Amino acid sequence: MIEFIDPEELPFTTDEIFRAGCAFLPEETARLMADHLAGCGPDVVADRAQRRSVWLAAGRPNAERMPLGAWLYPVELLPALSALSPNTAARVARLRQLLDDEDRDPAV
């Protein structure tokens, strides 16, 4: 089974992040970025689960699907991931849709 850093909000492997990072960063810096994001993954996933339980208890609509939005990474990362393969490009497209949906006000 493939281990994504965060299956919902950063659905890429550490190696994919590293290879994409090498497109715009020196190799050593790309490795540090990939390892840092991978190290943050378990805490972000746990924090999202905890937040969702609070949102569900509060009756917030769609709480079980709401993203946490905790990831910060260089703007160059998603385009570089898209360039790796059709598979990573498809995951970037799904992630961008999730992020776009998060920015939309459901009341509008």
N, C-alpha and C. Protein backbone atom coordinates (compact mmCIF):
# COMPACT_ATOMS: atom_id res chain seq x y z
N MET A 1 0.83 -1.18 0.00
CA MET A 1 0.00 0.00 0.00
C MET A 1 0.89 1.25 0.00
N ILE A 2 0.51 2.24 -0.78
CA ILE A 2 1.26 3.49 -0.86
C ILE A 2 0.95 4.32 0.38
N GLU A 3 2.00 4.87 0.97
CA GLU A 3 1.86 5.71 2.17
C GLU A 3 1.93 7.18 1.76
N PHE A 4 0.78 7.82 1.71
CA PHE A 4 0.76 9.25 1.43
C PHE A 4 1.02 10.01 2.73
N ILE A 5 1.61 11.16 2.61
CA ILE A 5 1.90 11.99 3.78
C ILE A 5 0.61 12.31 4.52
N ASP A 6 -0.41 12.71 3.78
CA ASP A 6 -1.75 12.95 4.32
C ASP A 6 -2.71 12.55 3.21
N PRO A 7 -3.39 11.41 3.35
CA PRO A 7 -4.23 10.92 2.25
C PRO A 7 -5.27 11.91 1.74
N GLU A 8 -5.70 12.83 2.58
CA GLU A 8 -6.73 13.79 2.17
C GLU A 8 -6.17 15.11 1.64
N GLU A 9 -5.24 15.70 2.37
CA GLU A 9 -4.82 17.05 2.06
C GLU A 9 -3.39 17.19 1.53
N LEU A 10 -2.66 16.10 1.49
CA LEU A 10 -1.33 16.08 0.86
C LEU A 10 -1.08 14.65 0.37
N PRO A 11 -1.87 14.23 -0.64
CA PRO A 11 -1.86 12.83 -1.08
C PRO A 11 -0.68 12.46 -1.98
N PHE A 12 0.51 12.60 -1.41
CA PHE A 12 1.74 12.32 -2.13
C PHE A 12 2.70 11.62 -1.18
N THR A 13 3.60 10.85 -1.75
CA THR A 13 4.61 10.20 -0.94
C THR A 13 5.75 11.16 -0.67
N THR A 14 6.56 10.81 0.31
CA THR A 14 7.74 11.62 0.60
C THR A 14 8.64 11.69 -0.63
N ASP A 15 8.78 10.57 -1.32
CA ASP A 15 9.63 10.56 -2.52
C ASP A 15 9.06 11.45 -3.62
N GLU A 16 7.75 11.46 -3.80
CA GLU A 16 7.15 12.33 -4.82
C GLU A 16 7.39 13.80 -4.47
N ILE A 17 7.24 14.14 -3.19
CA ILE A 17 7.50 15.53 -2.77
C ILE A 17 8.96 15.87 -3.04
N PHE A 18 9.86 14.96 -2.70
CA PHE A 18 11.29 15.19 -2.94
C PHE A 18 11.57 15.39 -4.43
N ARG A 19 11.09 14.48 -5.27
CA ARG A 19 11.36 14.59 -6.71
C ARG A 19 10.78 15.87 -7.28
N ALA A 20 9.58 16.25 -6.86
CA ALA A 20 8.98 17.50 -7.33
C ALA A 20 9.79 18.69 -6.82
N GLY A 21 10.21 18.63 -5.58
CA GLY A 21 11.00 19.71 -5.00
C GLY A 21 12.30 19.95 -5.74
N CYS A 22 12.88 18.89 -6.27
CA CYS A 22 14.14 19.02 -7.02
C CYS A 22 13.97 19.85 -8.29
N ALA A 23 12.74 20.06 -8.72
CA ALA A 23 12.48 20.88 -9.91
C ALA A 23 12.69 22.37 -9.63
N PHE A 24 12.62 22.76 -8.35
CA PHE A 24 12.75 24.19 -8.05
C PHE A 24 13.62 24.49 -6.83
N LEU A 25 14.17 23.46 -6.23
CA LEU A 25 15.04 23.64 -5.07
C LEU A 25 16.33 22.84 -5.25
N PRO A 26 17.40 23.22 -4.58
CA PRO A 26 18.57 22.34 -4.57
C PRO A 26 18.18 21.00 -3.94
N GLU A 27 18.85 19.94 -4.34
CA GLU A 27 18.50 18.59 -3.89
C GLU A 27 18.45 18.48 -2.36
N GLU A 28 19.42 19.02 -1.68
CA GLU A 28 19.45 18.92 -0.22
C GLU A 28 18.23 19.62 0.41
N THR A 29 17.88 20.77 -0.12
CA THR A 29 16.73 21.52 0.40
C THR A 29 15.43 20.78 0.07
N ALA A 30 15.36 20.19 -1.12
CA ALA A 30 14.17 19.41 -1.49
C ALA A 30 14.00 18.23 -0.53
N ARG A 31 15.10 17.58 -0.16
CA ARG A 31 15.03 16.46 0.79
C ARG A 31 14.55 16.94 2.15
N LEU A 32 15.08 18.07 2.61
CA LEU A 32 14.65 18.62 3.90
C LEU A 32 13.16 18.95 3.88
N MET A 33 12.67 19.56 2.80
CA MET A 33 11.26 19.89 2.69
C MET A 33 10.41 18.62 2.73
N ALA A 34 10.78 17.63 1.93
CA ALA A 34 10.01 16.39 1.88
C ALA A 34 9.98 15.70 3.24
N ASP A 35 11.12 15.62 3.88
CA ASP A 35 11.18 14.98 5.19
C ASP A 35 10.40 15.77 6.24
N HIS A 36 10.46 17.09 6.16
CA HIS A 36 9.71 17.92 7.11
C HIS A 36 8.20 17.70 6.94
N LEU A 37 7.72 17.76 5.69
CA LEU A 37 6.29 17.56 5.46
C LEU A 37 5.86 16.17 5.90
N ALA A 38 6.68 15.16 5.60
CA ALA A 38 6.36 13.79 6.02
C ALA A 38 6.31 13.69 7.55
N GLY A 39 7.21 14.38 8.22
CA GLY A 39 7.22 14.35 9.67
C GLY A 39 6.00 15.02 10.29
N CYS A 40 5.46 16.02 9.61
CA CYS A 40 4.27 16.72 10.10
C CYS A 40 2.98 15.93 9.85
N GLY A 41 3.01 15.05 8.86
CA GLY A 41 1.81 14.34 8.44
C GLY A 41 0.98 13.71 9.54
N PRO A 42 1.56 12.86 10.38
CA PRO A 42 0.74 12.21 11.41
C PRO A 42 0.03 13.19 12.35
N ASP A 43 0.70 14.27 12.72
CA ASP A 43 0.06 15.25 13.60
C ASP A 43 -1.07 15.99 12.89
N VAL A 44 -0.88 16.33 11.62
CA VAL A 44 -1.93 17.02 10.87
C VAL A 44 -3.15 16.11 10.73
N VAL A 45 -2.94 14.84 10.41
CA VAL A 45 -4.05 13.89 10.28
C VAL A 45 -4.78 13.75 11.62
N ALA A 46 -4.04 13.63 12.70
CA ALA A 46 -4.65 13.50 14.04
C ALA A 46 -5.41 14.77 14.42
N ASP A 47 -4.81 15.93 14.15
CA ASP A 47 -5.48 17.20 14.46
C ASP A 47 -6.78 17.34 13.67
N ARG A 48 -6.77 16.94 12.40
CA ARG A 48 -7.99 17.04 11.59
C ARG A 48 -9.07 16.13 12.17
N ALA A 49 -8.72 14.93 12.56
CA ALA A 49 -9.70 14.01 13.14
C ALA A 49 -10.30 14.59 14.42
N GLN A 50 -9.45 15.20 15.24
CA GLN A 50 -9.94 15.79 16.48
C GLN A 50 -10.85 16.97 16.18
N ARG A 51 -10.45 17.82 15.25
CA ARG A 51 -11.29 18.98 14.89
C ARG A 51 -12.63 18.52 14.33
N ARG A 52 -12.59 17.50 13.49
CA ARG A 52 -13.84 17.02 12.90
C ARG A 52 -14.79 16.49 13.97
N SER A 53 -14.26 15.86 15.00
CA SER A 53 -15.14 15.37 16.05
C SER A 53 -15.82 16.54 16.77
N VAL A 54 -15.09 17.62 16.96
CA VAL A 54 -15.67 18.82 17.57
C VAL A 54 -16.70 19.43 16.63
N TRP A 55 -16.36 19.53 15.35
CA TRP A 55 -17.30 20.09 14.38
C TRP A 55 -18.57 19.25 14.29
N LEU A 56 -18.42 17.92 14.29
CA LEU A 56 -19.58 17.04 14.26
C LEU A 56 -20.45 17.24 15.49
N ALA A 57 -19.83 17.29 16.66
CA ALA A 57 -20.58 17.49 17.90
C ALA A 57 -21.32 18.82 17.90
N ALA A 58 -20.76 19.80 17.22
CA ALA A 58 -21.40 21.12 17.13
C ALA A 58 -22.46 21.17 16.04
N GLY A 59 -22.61 20.09 15.29
CA GLY A 59 -23.61 20.05 14.23
C GLY A 59 -23.23 20.77 12.97
N ARG A 60 -21.96 20.98 12.76
CA ARG A 60 -21.51 21.69 11.56
C ARG A 60 -21.74 20.82 10.32
N PRO A 61 -22.41 21.35 9.30
CA PRO A 61 -22.65 20.57 8.08
C PRO A 61 -21.34 20.14 7.41
N ASN A 62 -21.33 18.95 6.87
CA ASN A 62 -20.18 18.40 6.14
C ASN A 62 -18.91 18.30 6.98
N ALA A 63 -19.05 18.26 8.28
CA ALA A 63 -17.88 18.24 9.17
C ALA A 63 -16.97 17.05 8.89
N GLU A 64 -17.55 15.93 8.50
CA GLU A 64 -16.75 14.72 8.27
C GLU A 64 -15.88 14.82 7.02
N ARG A 65 -16.09 15.83 6.20
CA ARG A 65 -15.29 16.00 4.99
C ARG A 65 -14.51 17.31 4.97
N MET A 66 -14.69 18.13 5.96
CA MET A 66 -14.01 19.44 5.96
C MET A 66 -12.51 19.27 6.13
N PRO A 67 -11.74 19.95 5.29
CA PRO A 67 -10.28 19.89 5.44
C PRO A 67 -9.83 20.77 6.61
N LEU A 68 -8.69 20.45 7.13
CA LEU A 68 -8.11 21.25 8.20
C LEU A 68 -7.40 22.48 7.62
N GLY A 69 -6.80 22.32 6.45
CA GLY A 69 -6.12 23.43 5.79
C GLY A 69 -4.85 23.86 6.51
N ALA A 70 -4.14 22.89 7.09
CA ALA A 70 -2.95 23.21 7.88
C ALA A 70 -1.66 23.19 7.08
N TRP A 71 -1.70 22.70 5.86
CA TRP A 71 -0.45 22.53 5.09
C TRP A 71 0.02 23.84 4.48
N LEU A 72 1.30 24.12 4.67
CA LEU A 72 1.97 25.25 4.03
C LEU A 72 3.17 24.69 3.27
N TYR A 73 3.24 25.00 1.98
CA TYR A 73 4.34 24.53 1.15
C TYR A 73 4.53 25.53 0.02
N PRO A 74 5.68 25.50 -0.63
CA PRO A 74 5.95 26.48 -1.69
C PRO A 74 4.91 26.40 -2.81
N VAL A 75 4.58 27.54 -3.39
CA VAL A 75 3.59 27.57 -4.47
C VAL A 75 4.04 26.75 -5.67
N GLU A 76 5.33 26.54 -5.80
CA GLU A 76 5.85 25.76 -6.93
C GLU A 76 5.61 24.26 -6.78
N LEU A 77 5.25 23.80 -5.58
CA LEU A 77 5.16 22.37 -5.34
C LEU A 77 4.06 21.68 -6.15
N LEU A 78 2.86 22.20 -6.14
CA LEU A 78 1.78 21.51 -6.86
C LEU A 78 2.03 21.44 -8.37
N PRO A 79 2.48 22.52 -9.02
CA PRO A 79 2.81 22.38 -10.45
C PRO A 79 3.93 21.36 -10.69
N ALA A 80 4.92 21.33 -9.81
CA ALA A 80 6.01 20.36 -9.98
C ALA A 80 5.51 18.94 -9.77
N LEU A 81 4.61 18.74 -8.83
CA LEU A 81 4.01 17.41 -8.65
C LEU A 81 3.19 17.01 -9.87
N SER A 82 2.47 17.95 -10.45
CA SER A 82 1.68 17.66 -11.65
C SER A 82 2.55 17.18 -12.80
N ALA A 83 3.77 17.68 -12.85
CA ALA A 83 4.68 17.32 -13.95
C ALA A 83 5.32 15.94 -13.78
N LEU A 84 5.21 15.34 -12.60
CA LEU A 84 5.87 14.05 -12.37
C LEU A 84 5.25 12.91 -13.17
N SER A 85 3.92 12.84 -13.19
CA SER A 85 3.25 11.73 -13.86
C SER A 85 1.77 12.05 -14.01
N PRO A 86 1.07 11.33 -14.88
CA PRO A 86 -0.38 11.52 -14.97
C PRO A 86 -1.08 11.22 -13.64
N ASN A 87 -0.56 10.25 -12.89
CA ASN A 87 -1.16 9.90 -11.62
C ASN A 87 -1.03 11.04 -10.61
N THR A 88 0.16 11.61 -10.48
CA THR A 88 0.31 12.72 -9.54
C THR A 88 -0.46 13.95 -10.03
N ALA A 89 -0.53 14.14 -11.34
CA ALA A 89 -1.32 15.26 -11.88
C ALA A 89 -2.79 15.12 -11.50
N ALA A 90 -3.31 13.91 -11.54
CA ALA A 90 -4.70 13.68 -11.17
C ALA A 90 -4.92 13.95 -9.68
N ARG A 91 -3.96 13.57 -8.86
CA ARG A 91 -4.08 13.85 -7.42
C ARG A 91 -3.99 15.34 -7.14
N VAL A 92 -3.14 16.04 -7.87
CA VAL A 92 -3.06 17.50 -7.71
C VAL A 92 -4.40 18.12 -8.09
N ALA A 93 -5.00 17.67 -9.18
CA ALA A 93 -6.29 18.21 -9.61
C ALA A 93 -7.36 18.00 -8.54
N ARG A 94 -7.40 16.80 -7.93
CA ARG A 94 -8.37 16.53 -6.87
C ARG A 94 -8.09 17.41 -5.64
N LEU A 95 -6.82 17.58 -5.31
CA LEU A 95 -6.46 18.42 -4.17
C LEU A 95 -6.87 19.87 -4.43
N ARG A 96 -6.61 20.36 -5.62
CA ARG A 96 -6.99 21.74 -5.93
C ARG A 96 -8.50 21.92 -5.85
N GLN A 97 -9.25 20.91 -6.28
CA GLN A 97 -10.71 20.99 -6.17
C GLN A 97 -11.13 21.06 -4.70
N LEU A 98 -10.51 20.23 -3.86
CA LEU A 98 -10.80 20.27 -2.43
C LEU A 98 -10.49 21.64 -1.86
N LEU A 99 -9.35 22.19 -2.22
CA LEU A 99 -8.96 23.51 -1.70
C LEU A 99 -9.88 24.60 -2.23
N ASP A 100 -10.30 24.49 -3.49
CA ASP A 100 -11.25 25.46 -4.04
C ASP A 100 -12.58 25.38 -3.33
N ASP A 101 -13.04 24.16 -3.06
CA ASP A 101 -14.32 23.98 -2.36
C ASP A 101 -14.25 24.55 -0.95
N GLU A 102 -13.09 24.42 -0.31
CA GLU A 102 -12.90 24.94 1.04
C GLU A 102 -13.02 26.45 1.06
N ASP A 103 -12.58 27.12 0.00
CA ASP A 103 -12.61 28.57 -0.07
C ASP A 103 -13.99 29.13 -0.39
N ARG A 104 -14.90 28.29 -0.87
CA ARG A 104 -16.24 28.75 -1.22
C ARG A 104 -17.11 28.86 0.01
N ASP A 105 -17.87 29.92 0.07
CA ASP A 105 -18.81 30.11 1.18
C ASP A 105 -20.07 29.30 0.87
N PRO A 106 -20.41 28.30 1.69
CA PRO A 106 -21.59 27.47 1.42
C PRO A 106 -22.89 28.26 1.50
N ALA A 107 -22.88 29.44 2.10
CA ALA A 107 -24.09 30.24 2.22
C ALA A 107 -24.40 31.00 0.93
N VAL A 108 -23.45 31.04 0.02
CA VAL A 108 -23.64 31.82 -1.22
C VAL A 108 -24.24 30.94 -2.29
